[in-house]
Amino acid sequence: MTLPPLAGMAAGLAQATSSDVGLHLDTGAVVSSIVGTLLAAVAAGIAVTSKTLRRRTA
């Protein structure tokens, strides 16, 4: 998630509606996306490393 576009959308909506619009993020969703991305990166690193090591030993 990138925060600047979300903040920009909130600011634009606040200007268009002439009301106070704040940026509210669900902490659980943010943590889940961070953990999921970290796990995917680690799995990709392990997969590439194991494939490279198998080529060298074969």
Protein backbone atom coordinates (compact mmCIF):
# COMPACT_ATOMS: atom_id res chain seq x y z
CA MET A 1 0.00 0.00 0.00
CA THR A 2 1.26 3.42 -0.79
CA LEU A 3 0.06 6.15 1.52
CA PRO A 4 0.62 9.28 -0.64
CA PRO A 5 -2.04 8.33 -3.24
CA LEU A 6 -4.51 7.48 -0.48
CA ALA A 7 -3.83 10.78 1.25
CA GLY A 8 -4.23 12.60 -2.08
CA MET A 9 -7.58 10.93 -2.71
CA ALA A 10 -8.77 11.87 0.78
CA ALA A 11 -7.68 15.48 0.23
CA GLY A 12 -9.41 15.61 -3.16
CA LEU A 13 -12.60 14.15 -1.73
CA ALA A 14 -12.49 16.62 1.15
CA GLN A 15 -12.12 19.50 -1.31
CA ALA A 16 -14.89 18.23 -3.61
CA THR A 17 -17.38 17.67 -0.80
CA SER A 18 -16.32 20.63 1.36
CA SER A 19 -16.18 18.35 4.38
CA ASP A 20 -13.48 16.95 6.59
CA VAL A 21 -12.27 13.63 5.19
CA GLY A 22 -9.59 11.80 7.13
CA LEU A 23 -7.42 8.87 6.18
CA HIS A 24 -8.47 5.79 8.17
CA LEU A 25 -6.61 2.52 7.66
CA ASP A 26 -7.54 -0.88 9.04
CA THR A 27 -4.51 -1.94 11.08
CA GLY A 28 -5.22 -5.62 10.53
CA ALA A 29 -5.29 -5.22 6.76
CA VAL A 30 -2.05 -3.25 6.76
CA VAL A 31 -0.28 -5.81 8.96
CA SER A 32 -1.63 -8.69 6.86
CA SER A 33 -0.38 -7.15 3.63
CA ILE A 34 3.05 -6.48 5.12
CA VAL A 35 3.38 -10.02 6.50
CA GLY A 36 2.08 -11.55 3.25
CA THR A 37 4.54 -9.57 1.16
CA LEU A 38 7.40 -10.52 3.47
CA LEU A 39 6.49 -14.21 3.31
CA ALA A 40 6.24 -14.09 -0.49
CA ALA A 41 9.66 -12.42 -0.74
CA VAL A 42 11.26 -14.98 1.56
CA ALA A 43 9.66 -17.88 -0.35
CA ALA A 44 10.88 -16.46 -3.67
CA GLY A 45 14.39 -16.05 -2.28
CA ILE A 46 14.45 -19.61 -0.97
CA ALA A 47 13.15 -20.97 -4.29
CA VAL A 48 15.77 -19.15 -6.35
CA THR A 49 18.59 -20.06 -3.98
CA SER A 50 17.65 -23.74 -3.86
CA LYS A 51 17.34 -23.91 -7.66
CA THR A 52 20.76 -22.26 -8.08
CA LEU A 53 22.40 -24.59 -5.58
CA ARG A 54 20.89 -27.65 -7.27
CA ARG A 55 22.37 -26.59 -10.61
CA ARG A 56 25.84 -26.24 -9.11
CA THR A 57 25.81 -29.64 -7.43
CA ALA A 58 24.37 -31.51 -10.45
